[in-house]
Amino acid sequence: MLARDTAEAIVGAVTRSGTLLLGRYSPSGRLRLVARTTPCASPPIGTAESR
């Protein structure tokens, strides 16, 4: 049986290369970077590159 641990995160930014920067709020209320993705295969929707 596999164990799975989940948590909610906020998308803090989407870079020009399509990388998502994910954050979570610390107990003191600051948004902290916790993860980032690899660049997306296509430009994010709504960017100049996707038009």
C-alpha atoms as a PDB file:
ATOM      1  CA  MET A   1       0.000   0.000   0.000  1.00  0.00           C
ATOM      2  CA  LEU A   2       1.313   3.449  -0.930  1.00  0.00           C
ATOM      3  CA  ALA A   3       1.277   6.315   1.545  1.00  0.00           C
ATOM      4  CA  ARG A   4       0.188   9.678   0.222  1.00  0.00           C
ATOM      5  CA  ASP A   5       0.602  13.048   1.899  1.00  0.00           C
ATOM      6  CA  THR A   6      -1.095  16.108   0.400  1.00  0.00           C
ATOM      7  CA  ALA A   7      -1.022  19.836   1.091  1.00  0.00           C
ATOM      8  CA  GLU A   8      -2.601  22.908  -0.432  1.00  0.00           C
ATOM      9  CA  ALA A   9      -0.387  25.453  -2.180  1.00  0.00           C
ATOM     10  CA  ILE A  10      -0.820  28.794  -3.895  1.00  0.00           C
ATOM     11  CA  VAL A  11       0.509  29.502  -7.378  1.00  0.00           C
ATOM     12  CA  GLY A  12       2.729  32.454  -6.576  1.00  0.00           C
ATOM     13  CA  ALA A  13       3.937  33.107 -10.123  1.00  0.00           C
ATOM     14  CA  VAL A  14       4.127  31.770 -13.655  1.00  0.00           C
ATOM     15  CA  THR A  15       7.442  32.602 -15.311  1.00  0.00           C
ATOM     16  CA  ARG A  16       7.973  33.351 -18.993  1.00  0.00           C
ATOM     17  CA  SER A  17       9.264  29.816 -19.511  1.00  0.00           C
ATOM     18  CA  GLY A  18       6.027  28.422 -18.070  1.00  0.00           C
ATOM     19  CA  THR A  19       7.444  27.351 -14.726  1.00  0.00           C
ATOM     20  CA  LEU A  20       4.971  27.527 -11.821  1.00  0.00           C
ATOM     21  CA  LEU A  21       6.266  28.812  -8.488  1.00  0.00           C
ATOM     22  CA  LEU A  22       4.244  27.382  -5.597  1.00  0.00           C
ATOM     23  CA  GLY A  23       4.018  28.797  -2.110  1.00  0.00           C
ATOM     24  CA  ARG A  24       2.448  28.199   1.295  1.00  0.00           C
ATOM     25  CA  TYR A  25       1.815  30.624   4.099  1.00  0.00           C
ATOM     26  CA  SER A  26       4.031  30.262   7.164  1.00  0.00           C
ATOM     27  CA  PRO A  27       2.533  30.484  10.675  1.00  0.00           C
ATOM     28  CA  SER A  28       3.686  34.129  10.756  1.00  0.00           C
ATOM     29  CA  GLY A  29       1.693  34.891   7.585  1.00  0.00           C
ATOM     30  CA  ARG A  30       4.546  35.143   5.055  1.00  0.00           C
ATOM     31  CA  LEU A  31       4.217  33.429   1.691  1.00  0.00           C
ATOM     32  CA  ARG A  32       7.125  30.981   1.378  1.00  0.00           C
ATOM     33  CA  LEU A  33       8.343  29.292  -1.811  1.00  0.00           C
ATOM     34  CA  VAL A  34       7.928  25.533  -1.393  1.00  0.00           C
ATOM     35  CA  ALA A  35       8.189  24.114  -4.926  1.00  0.00           C
ATOM     36  CA  ARG A  36       8.513  24.843  -8.609  1.00  0.00           C
ATOM     37  CA  THR A  37       7.649  22.850 -11.688  1.00  0.00           C
ATOM     38  CA  THR A  38       9.695  22.142 -14.769  1.00  0.00           C
ATOM     39  CA  PRO A  39       8.877  24.406 -17.753  1.00  0.00           C
ATOM     40  CA  CYS A  40       5.588  23.620 -19.478  1.00  0.00           C
ATOM     41  CA  ALA A  41       5.683  22.238 -23.019  1.00  0.00           C
ATOM     42  CA  SER A  42       3.640  25.176 -24.322  1.00  0.00           C
ATOM     43  CA  PRO A  43       3.479  28.797 -23.132  1.00  0.00           C
ATOM     44  CA  PRO A  44       0.961  29.507 -20.373  1.00  0.00           C
ATOM     45  CA  ILE A  45      -2.504  30.622 -21.496  1.00  0.00           C
ATOM     46  CA  GLY A  46      -2.851  34.398 -21.556  1.00  0.00           C
ATOM     47  CA  THR A  47       0.770  35.194 -22.377  1.00  0.00           C
ATOM     48  CA  ALA A  48       1.947  36.943 -25.509  1.00  0.00           C
ATOM     49  CA  GLU A  49       3.701  33.740 -26.639  1.00  0.00           C
ATOM     50  CA  SER A  50       0.424  31.763 -26.616  1.00  0.00           C
ATOM     51  CA  ARG A  51      -1.368  34.173 -28.990  1.00  0.00           C
END
